[in-house]
PDB file of N, CA and C in Angstrom:
ATOM      1  N   MET A   1      94.514  19.243 -49.086  1.00  0.00           N
ATOM      2  CA  MET A   1      94.128  20.438 -48.275  1.00  0.00           C
ATOM      3  C   MET A   1      95.111  21.546 -48.493  1.00  0.00           C
ATOM      4  N   HIS A   2      94.644  22.747 -48.770  1.00  0.00           N
ATOM      5  CA  HIS A   2      95.623  23.950 -49.200  1.00  0.00           C
ATOM      6  C   HIS A   2      95.517  24.730 -47.845  1.00  0.00           C
ATOM      7  N   PRO A   3      96.844  24.823 -47.419  1.00  0.00           N
ATOM      8  CA  PRO A   3      96.864  25.692 -46.070  1.00  0.00           C
ATOM      9  C   PRO A   3      96.268  27.063 -46.090  1.00  0.00           C
ATOM     10  N   LEU A   4      96.352  27.736 -47.171  1.00  0.00           N
ATOM     11  CA  LEU A   4      95.687  29.083 -47.336  1.00  0.00           C
ATOM     12  C   LEU A   4      94.166  28.794 -47.099  1.00  0.00           C
ATOM     13  N   SER A   5      93.622  27.826 -47.836  1.00  0.00           N
ATOM     14  CA  SER A   5      92.170  27.779 -47.459  1.00  0.00           C
ATOM     15  C   SER A   5      91.717  27.733 -46.378  1.00  0.00           C
ATOM     16  N   THR A   6      92.552  27.135 -45.277  1.00  0.00           N
ATOM     17  CA  THR A   6      92.106  27.077 -43.826  1.00  0.00           C
ATOM     18  C   THR A   6      92.340  28.419 -43.476  1.00  0.00           C
ATOM     19  N   ILE A   7      93.026  29.128 -43.863  1.00  0.00           N
ATOM     20  CA  ILE A   7      93.073  30.709 -43.131  1.00  0.00           C
ATOM     21  C   ILE A   7      91.826  31.349 -43.658  1.00  0.00           C
ATOM     22  N   LEU A   8      91.576  31.189 -45.113  1.00  0.00           N
ATOM     23  CA  LEU A   8      90.414  31.951 -45.480  1.00  0.00           C
ATOM     24  C   LEU A   8      89.143  31.418 -44.973  1.00  0.00           C
ATOM     25  N   PHE A   9      89.060  30.142 -44.577  1.00  0.00           N
ATOM     26  CA  PHE A   9      87.789  29.614 -43.839  1.00  0.00           C
ATOM     27  C   PHE A   9      87.761  30.256 -42.420  1.00  0.00           C
ATOM     28  N   ILE A  10      88.604  30.545 -41.746  1.00  0.00           N
ATOM     29  CA  ILE A  10      88.719  31.055 -40.820  1.00  0.00           C
ATOM     30  C   ILE A  10      88.303  32.493 -40.438  1.00  0.00           C
ATOM     31  N   LEU A  11      88.918  33.233 -41.324  1.00  0.00           N
ATOM     32  CA  LEU A  11      88.668  34.792 -41.415  1.00  0.00           C
ATOM     33  C   LEU A  11      87.150  34.906 -42.114  1.00  0.00           C
ATOM     34  N   GLY A  12      86.888  34.378 -43.182  1.00  0.00           N
ATOM     35  CA  GLY A  12      85.684  34.361 -43.845  1.00  0.00           C
ATOM     36  C   GLY A  12      84.401  33.791 -43.133  1.00  0.00           C
ATOM     37  N   TYR A  13      84.554  32.800 -42.347  1.00  0.00           N
ATOM     38  CA  TYR A  13      83.306  32.219 -41.685  1.00  0.00           C
ATOM     39  C   TYR A  13      83.163  33.135 -40.344  1.00  0.00           C
ATOM     40  N   GLY A  14      84.377  33.488 -39.928  1.00  0.00           N
ATOM     41  CA  GLY A  14      84.618  34.327 -38.692  1.00  0.00           C
ATOM     42  C   GLY A  14      83.931  35.662 -39.009  1.00  0.00           C
ATOM     43  N   LEU A  15      83.787  36.082 -39.984  1.00  0.00           N
ATOM     44  CA  LEU A  15      83.191  37.424 -40.426  1.00  0.00           C
ATOM     45  C   LEU A  15      81.848  37.277 -40.583  1.00  0.00           C
ATOM     46  N   ALA A  16      81.442  36.200 -41.582  1.00  0.00           N
ATOM     47  CA  ALA A  16      80.171  36.033 -42.058  1.00  0.00           C
ATOM     48  C   ALA A  16      79.143  35.374 -41.255  1.00  0.00           C
ATOM     49  N   LEU A  17      79.338  34.350 -40.526  1.00  0.00           N
ATOM     50  CA  LEU A  17      78.528  33.820 -39.667  1.00  0.00           C
ATOM     51  C   LEU A  17      77.535  34.629 -38.831  1.00  0.00           C
ATOM     52  N   PRO A  18      78.507  35.473 -37.818  1.00  0.00           N
ATOM     53  CA  PRO A  18      77.728  36.351 -36.990  1.00  0.00           C
ATOM     54  C   PRO A  18      76.854  37.148 -37.567  1.00  0.00           C
ATOM     55  N   ILE A  19      77.291  37.771 -38.588  1.00  0.00           N
ATOM     56  CA  ILE A  19      76.222  38.757 -39.716  1.00  0.00           C
ATOM     57  C   ILE A  19      75.217  37.876 -39.894  1.00  0.00           C
ATOM     58  N   GLY A  20      75.502  36.730 -40.646  1.00  0.00           N
ATOM     59  CA  GLY A  20      74.615  36.039 -41.262  1.00  0.00           C
ATOM     60  C   GLY A  20      73.436  35.535 -40.420  1.00  0.00           C
ATOM     61  N   ALA A  21      73.770  35.362 -39.164  1.00  0.00           N
ATOM     62  CA  ALA A  21      72.758  34.993 -38.122  1.00  0.00           C
ATOM     63  C   ALA A  21      71.701  36.052 -37.861  1.00  0.00           C
ATOM     64  N   LYS A  22      72.309  37.180 -38.123  1.00  0.00           N
ATOM     65  CA  LYS A  22      71.256  38.326 -37.803  1.00  0.00           C
ATOM     66  C   LYS A  22      70.928  38.964 -39.107  1.00  0.00           C
ATOM     67  N   PHE A  23      71.021  38.376 -40.236  1.00  0.00           N
ATOM     68  CA  PHE A  23      70.928  39.082 -41.530  1.00  0.00           C
ATOM     69  C   PHE A  23      69.388  39.457 -41.671  1.00  0.00           C
ATOM     70  N   GLY A  24      68.529  39.101 -41.117  1.00  0.00           N
ATOM     71  CA  GLY A  24      67.129  39.619 -41.188  1.00  0.00           C
ATOM     72  C   GLY A  24      67.088  40.922 -40.485  1.00  0.00           C
ATOM     73  N   VAL A  25      67.695  41.324 -39.389  1.00  0.00           N
ATOM     74  CA  VAL A  25      67.884  42.707 -38.742  1.00  0.00           C
ATOM     75  C   VAL A  25      68.827  43.662 -39.732  1.00  0.00           C
ATOM     76  N   VAL A  26      69.893  42.742 -40.226  1.00  0.00           N
ATOM     77  CA  VAL A  26      70.566  43.589 -41.106  1.00  0.00           C
ATOM     78  C   VAL A  26      70.020  44.352 -42.428  1.00  0.00           C
ATOM     79  N   ARG A  27      68.827  43.218 -42.832  1.00  0.00           N
ATOM     80  CA  ARG A  27      68.270  43.581 -44.045  1.00  0.00           C
ATOM     81  C   ARG A  27      67.175  44.703 -43.501  1.00  0.00           C
ATOM     82  N   SER A  28      66.518  44.573 -42.550  1.00  0.00           N
ATOM     83  CA  SER A  28      65.410  45.453 -42.015  1.00  0.00           C
ATOM     84  C   SER A  28      65.875  46.782 -41.761  1.00  0.00           C
ATOM     85  N   THR A  29      67.038  46.829 -41.274  1.00  0.00           N
ATOM     86  CA  THR A  29      67.687  48.063 -40.857  1.00  0.00           C
ATOM     87  C   THR A  29      68.659  48.992 -41.921  1.00  0.00           C
ATOM     88  N   GLN A  30      68.611  47.919 -42.872  1.00  0.00           N
ATOM     89  CA  GLN A  30      69.450  48.480 -44.105  1.00  0.00           C
ATOM     90  C   GLN A  30      70.917  48.874 -43.811  1.00  0.00           C
ATOM     91  N   ASN A  31      71.723  47.888 -42.997  1.00  0.00           N
ATOM     92  CA  ASN A  31      72.782  48.309 -42.480  1.00  0.00           C
ATOM     93  C   ASN A  31      73.822  47.720 -43.558  1.00  0.00           C
ATOM     94  N   ARG A  32      74.210  48.923 -44.415  1.00  0.00           N
ATOM     95  CA  ARG A  32      75.176  48.595 -45.362  1.00  0.00           C
ATOM     96  C   ARG A  32      76.641  47.966 -45.102  1.00  0.00           C
ATOM     97  N   LEU A  33      77.243  48.383 -44.066  1.00  0.00           N
ATOM     98  CA  LEU A  33      78.494  47.979 -43.425  1.00  0.00           C
ATOM     99  C   LEU A  33      78.358  46.648 -43.188  1.00  0.00           C
ATOM    100  N   ALA A  34      77.445  46.220 -42.579  1.00  0.00           N
ATOM    101  CA  ALA A  34      77.235  44.883 -42.009  1.00  0.00           C
ATOM    102  C   ALA A  34      76.890  44.015 -43.425  1.00  0.00           C
ATOM    103  N   LEU A  35      76.247  44.292 -44.425  1.00  0.00           N
ATOM    104  CA  LEU A  35      76.170  43.567 -45.551  1.00  0.00           C
ATOM    105  C   LEU A  35      77.605  43.589 -46.377  1.00  0.00           C
ATOM    106  N   ILE A  36      78.204  44.594 -46.183  1.00  0.00           N
ATOM    107  CA  ILE A  36      79.513  44.171 -47.018  1.00  0.00           C
ATOM    108  C   ILE A  36      80.523  43.460 -46.152  1.00  0.00           C
ATOM    109  N   GLY A  37      80.517  43.575 -44.839  1.00  0.00           N
ATOM    110  CA  GLY A  37      81.351  42.740 -44.040  1.00  0.00           C
ATOM    111  C   GLY A  37      80.684  41.207 -44.488  1.00  0.00           C
ATOM    112  N   HIS A  38      79.438  40.999 -44.425  1.00  0.00           N
ATOM    113  CA  HIS A  38      79.028  39.446 -44.531  1.00  0.00           C
ATOM    114  C   HIS A  38      79.350  39.152 -46.039  1.00  0.00           C
ATOM    115  N   GLN A  39      79.323  39.952 -47.170  1.00  0.00           N
ATOM    116  CA  GLN A  39      79.809  39.661 -48.470  1.00  0.00           C
ATOM    117  C   GLN A  39      81.303  39.256 -48.524  1.00  0.00           C
ATOM    118  N   ALA A  40      82.078  40.169 -47.965  1.00  0.00           N
ATOM    119  CA  ALA A  40      83.276  39.856 -47.975  1.00  0.00           C
ATOM    120  C   ALA A  40      83.569  38.463 -47.195  1.00  0.00           C
ATOM    121  N   GLY A  41      83.197  38.333 -46.122  1.00  0.00           N
ATOM    122  CA  GLY A  41      83.302  37.055 -45.166  1.00  0.00           C
ATOM    123  C   GLY A  41      83.004  35.807 -46.375  1.00  0.00           C
ATOM    124  N   VAL A  42      81.738  35.971 -46.893  1.00  0.00           N
ATOM    125  CA  VAL A  42      81.532  34.682 -47.882  1.00  0.00           C
ATOM    126  C   VAL A  42      82.415  34.535 -48.967  1.00  0.00           C
ATOM    127  N   GLY A  43      82.868  35.750 -49.532  1.00  0.00           N
ATOM    128  CA  GLY A  43      83.792  35.806 -50.645  1.00  0.00           C
ATOM    129  C   GLY A  43      85.002  35.214 -50.217  1.00  0.00           C
ATOM    130  N   LEU A  44      85.467  35.359 -48.951  1.00  0.00           N
ATOM    131  CA  LEU A  44      86.762  34.617 -48.591  1.00  0.00           C
ATOM    132  C   LEU A  44      86.852  33.342 -48.346  1.00  0.00           C
ATOM    133  N   ALA A  45      85.304  32.895 -47.863  1.00  0.00           N
ATOM    134  CA  ALA A  45      84.978  31.366 -47.707  1.00  0.00           C
ATOM    135  C   ALA A  45      85.226  30.732 -49.092  1.00  0.00           C
ATOM    136  N   ALA A  46      84.499  31.652 -50.016  1.00  0.00           N
ATOM    137  CA  ALA A  46      84.253  30.832 -51.249  1.00  0.00           C
ATOM    138  C   ALA A  46      85.505  30.672 -52.086  1.00  0.00           C
ATOM    139  N   LEU A  47      86.414  31.694 -51.892  1.00  0.00           N
ATOM    140  CA  LEU A  47      87.965  31.686 -52.350  1.00  0.00           C
ATOM    141  C   LEU A  47      88.672  30.372 -51.880  1.00  0.00           C
ATOM    142  N   GLY A  48      88.427  30.218 -50.332  1.00  0.00           N
ATOM    143  CA  GLY A  48      88.911  28.943 -49.783  1.00  0.00           C
ATOM    144  C   GLY A  48      88.524  27.575 -50.376  1.00  0.00           C
ATOM    145  N   TRP A  49      87.066  27.493 -50.697  1.00  0.00           N
ATOM    146  CA  TRP A  49      86.623  26.323 -51.403  1.00  0.00           C
ATOM    147  C   TRP A  49      87.106  26.165 -52.863  1.00  0.00           C
ATOM    148  N   ALA A  50      87.532  27.074 -53.343  1.00  0.00           N
ATOM    149  CA  ALA A  50      87.904  27.440 -54.616  1.00  0.00           C
ATOM    150  C   ALA A  50      89.527  26.796 -54.780  1.00  0.00           C
ATOM    151  N   LEU A  51      90.118  27.166 -53.668  1.00  0.00           N
ATOM    152  CA  LEU A  51      91.528  26.773 -53.533  1.00  0.00           C
ATOM    153  C   LEU A  51      91.616  25.157 -53.153  1.00  0.00           C
ATOM    154  N   ARG A  52      90.402  24.634 -52.592  1.00  0.00           N
ATOM    155  CA  ARG A  52      90.377  23.256 -52.435  1.00  0.00           C
ATOM    156  C   ARG A  52      89.807  22.543 -53.622  1.00  0.00           C
ATOM    157  N   ALA A  53      89.677  23.264 -54.709  1.00  0.00           N
ATOM    158  CA  ALA A  53      89.088  22.752 -55.800  1.00  0.00           C
ATOM    159  C   ALA A  53      87.630  22.027 -55.452  1.00  0.00           C
ATOM    160  N   SER A  54      87.056  22.792 -54.769  1.00  0.00           N
ATOM    161  CA  SER A  54      85.587  22.167 -54.447  1.00  0.00           C
ATOM    162  C   SER A  54      84.772  23.065 -55.140  1.00  0.00           C
ATOM    163  N   VAL A  55      84.290  22.786 -56.484  1.00  0.00           N
ATOM    164  CA  VAL A  55      83.539  23.640 -57.143  1.00  0.00           C
ATOM    165  C   VAL A  55      82.081  23.679 -56.641  1.00  0.00           C
ATOM    166  N   GLY A  56      81.487  22.725 -56.206  1.00  0.00           N
ATOM    167  CA  GLY A  56      80.271  22.520 -55.788  1.00  0.00           C
ATOM    168  C   GLY A  56      79.895  23.553 -54.731  1.00  0.00           C
ATOM    169  N   MET A  57      81.072  23.530 -53.533  1.00  0.00           N
ATOM    170  CA  MET A  57      80.761  24.366 -52.404  1.00  0.00           C
ATOM    171  C   MET A  57      81.073  25.843 -52.932  1.00  0.00           C
ATOM    172  N   PHE A  58      82.069  26.037 -53.781  1.00  0.00           N
ATOM    173  CA  PHE A  58      82.307  27.348 -54.319  1.00  0.00           C
ATOM    174  C   PHE A  58      81.024  28.068 -54.896  1.00  0.00           C
ATOM    175  N   PHE A  59      80.251  27.179 -55.779  1.00  0.00           N
ATOM    176  CA  PHE A  59      79.011  27.924 -56.333  1.00  0.00           C
ATOM    177  C   PHE A  59      78.014  28.141 -55.398  1.00  0.00           C
ATOM    178  N   ILE A  60      77.862  27.212 -54.426  1.00  0.00           N
ATOM    179  CA  ILE A  60      76.720  27.293 -53.344  1.00  0.00           C
ATOM    180  C   ILE A  60      77.108  28.926 -52.692  1.00  0.00           C
ATOM    181  N   HIS A  61      78.253  29.141 -52.485  1.00  0.00           N
ATOM    182  CA  HIS A  61      78.688  30.519 -51.819  1.00  0.00           C
ATOM    183  C   HIS A  61      78.298  31.559 -52.524  1.00  0.00           C
ATOM    184  N   VAL A  62      78.726  31.427 -53.994  1.00  0.00           N
ATOM    185  CA  VAL A  62      78.385  32.494 -54.765  1.00  0.00           C
ATOM    186  C   VAL A  62      76.943  32.724 -55.000  1.00  0.00           C
ATOM    187  N   VAL A  63      76.235  31.787 -55.096  1.00  0.00           N
ATOM    188  CA  VAL A  63      74.822  31.964 -55.335  1.00  0.00           C
ATOM    189  C   VAL A  63      74.181  32.553 -54.096  1.00  0.00           C
ATOM    190  N   TRP A  64      74.688  32.404 -52.896  1.00  0.00           N
ATOM    191  CA  TRP A  64      74.432  32.934 -51.646  1.00  0.00           C
ATOM    192  C   TRP A  64      74.805  34.504 -51.724  1.00  0.00           C
ATOM    193  N   LEU A  65      75.790  34.677 -51.976  1.00  0.00           N
ATOM    194  CA  LEU A  65      76.312  35.989 -52.305  1.00  0.00           C
ATOM    195  C   LEU A  65      75.258  36.883 -53.108  1.00  0.00           C
ATOM    196  N   ILE A  66      74.884  36.231 -54.191  1.00  0.00           N
ATOM    197  CA  ILE A  66      73.827  37.026 -54.991  1.00  0.00           C
ATOM    198  C   ILE A  66      72.396  36.947 -54.439  1.00  0.00           C
ATOM    199  N   MET A  67      71.996  35.983 -53.806  1.00  0.00           N
ATOM    200  CA  MET A  67      70.682  35.916 -53.134  1.00  0.00           C
ATOM    201  C   MET A  67      70.694  36.965 -52.114  1.00  0.00           C
ATOM    202  N   ALA A  68      71.702  37.036 -51.238  1.00  0.00           N
ATOM    203  CA  ALA A  68      71.790  37.942 -50.105  1.00  0.00           C
ATOM    204  C   ALA A  68      71.740  39.527 -50.835  1.00  0.00           C
ATOM    205  N   ARG A  69      72.414  39.617 -51.697  1.00  0.00           N
ATOM    206  CA  ARG A  69      72.388  41.060 -51.921  1.00  0.00           C
ATOM    207  C   ARG A  69      71.054  41.464 -52.716  1.00  0.00           C
ATOM    208  N   ILE A  70      70.406  40.405 -53.426  1.00  0.00           N
ATOM    209  CA  ILE A  70      69.383  40.650 -53.866  1.00  0.00           C
ATOM    210  C   ILE A  70      67.956  40.964 -52.807  1.00  0.00           C
ATOM    211  N   TRP A  71      68.228  40.024 -51.626  1.00  0.00           N
ATOM    212  CA  TRP A  71      67.198  40.103 -50.679  1.00  0.00           C
ATOM    213  C   TRP A  71      67.397  41.338 -49.957  1.00  0.00           C
ATOM    214  N   PHE A  72      68.571  41.985 -49.808  1.00  0.00           N
ATOM    215  CA  PHE A  72      68.788  43.298 -49.112  1.00  0.00           C
ATOM    216  C   PHE A  72      68.189  44.224 -49.880  1.00  0.00           C
ATOM    217  N   GLY A  73      68.299  44.181 -51.288  1.00  0.00           N
ATOM    218  CA  GLY A  73      67.813  45.447 -52.172  1.00  0.00           C
ATOM    219  C   GLY A  73      66.376  45.348 -52.319  1.00  0.00           C
ATOM    220  N   ILE A  74      65.738  44.233 -52.349  1.00  0.00           N
ATOM    221  CA  ILE A  74      64.380  44.151 -52.083  1.00  0.00           C
ATOM    222  C   ILE A  74      63.588  44.915 -50.785  1.00  0.00           C
ATOM    223  N   GLU A  75      64.319  44.753 -49.838  1.00  0.00           N
ATOM    224  CA  GLU A  75      63.854  45.352 -48.652  1.00  0.00           C
ATOM    225  C   GLU A  75      64.048  47.023 -48.810  1.00  0.00           C
ATOM    226  N   ARG A  76      65.108  47.156 -49.187  1.00  0.00           N
ATOM    227  CA  ARG A  76      65.527  48.938 -49.651  1.00  0.00           C
ATOM    228  C   ARG A  76      64.358  49.360 -50.575  1.00  0.00           C
ATOM    229  N   ASN A  77      64.150  48.654 -51.854  1.00  0.00           N
ATOM    230  CA  ASN A  77      63.188  49.108 -52.526  1.00  0.00           C
ATOM    231  C   ASN A  77      61.833  49.244 -51.797  1.00  0.00           C
ATOM    232  N   LYS A  78      61.276  48.345 -51.181  1.00  0.00           N
ATOM    233  CA  LYS A  78      60.103  48.185 -50.304  1.00  0.00           C
ATOM    234  C   LYS A  78      59.924  49.468 -49.472  1.00  0.00           C
ATOM    235  N   GLY A  79      60.952  49.872 -48.655  1.00  0.00           N
ATOM    236  CA  GLY A  79      61.216  51.023 -47.989  1.00  0.00           C
ATOM    237  C   GLY A  79      60.974  52.140 -48.583  1.00  0.00           C
ATOM    238  N   GLU A  80      61.671  52.485 -49.890  1.00  0.00           N
ATOM    239  CA  GLU A  80      61.490  53.518 -50.809  1.00  0.00           C
ATOM    240  C   GLU A  80      60.104  53.916 -51.285  1.00  0.00           C
ATOM    241  N   GLY A  81      59.277  52.679 -51.350  1.00  0.00           N
ATOM    242  CA  GLY A  81      57.932  52.678 -51.849  1.00  0.00           C
ATOM    243  C   GLY A  81      56.907  53.182 -50.939  1.00  0.00           C
ATOM    244  N   GLN A  82      57.169  52.965 -49.676  1.00  0.00           N
ATOM    245  CA  GLN A  82      56.375  53.340 -48.474  1.00  0.00           C
ATOM    246  C   GLN A  82      56.620  54.618 -48.264  1.00  0.00           C
ATOM    247  N   ARG A  83      57.874  55.252 -48.725  1.00  0.00           N
ATOM    248  CA  ARG A  83      58.102  56.904 -48.225  1.00  0.00           C
ATOM    249  C   ARG A  83      57.112  57.646 -49.459  1.00  0.00           C
ATOM    250  N   GLN A  84      57.006  57.150 -50.341  1.00  0.00           N
ATOM    251  CA  GLN A  84      56.425  58.072 -51.547  1.00  0.00           C
ATOM    252  C   GLN A  84      55.061  58.386 -51.260  1.00  0.00           C
TER     253      GLN A  84
END
């Protein structure tokens, strides 16, 4: 157990989970600040898993980062299409 990983988990999940729980609203309102906060939190948690040498959990978090960004972008592109 790496002590720095525990700090990263507390900070990362403390930031990412409240935003992630309302990610549908974040996505529909296109709240970029909340997306950045969520991405930073998940990134910190992923780094914590990397420090613990848990490759599987690290990659799960990285895949979620990518999927969340794509999901956010799809809503933005859909909104732009409706404005035209």
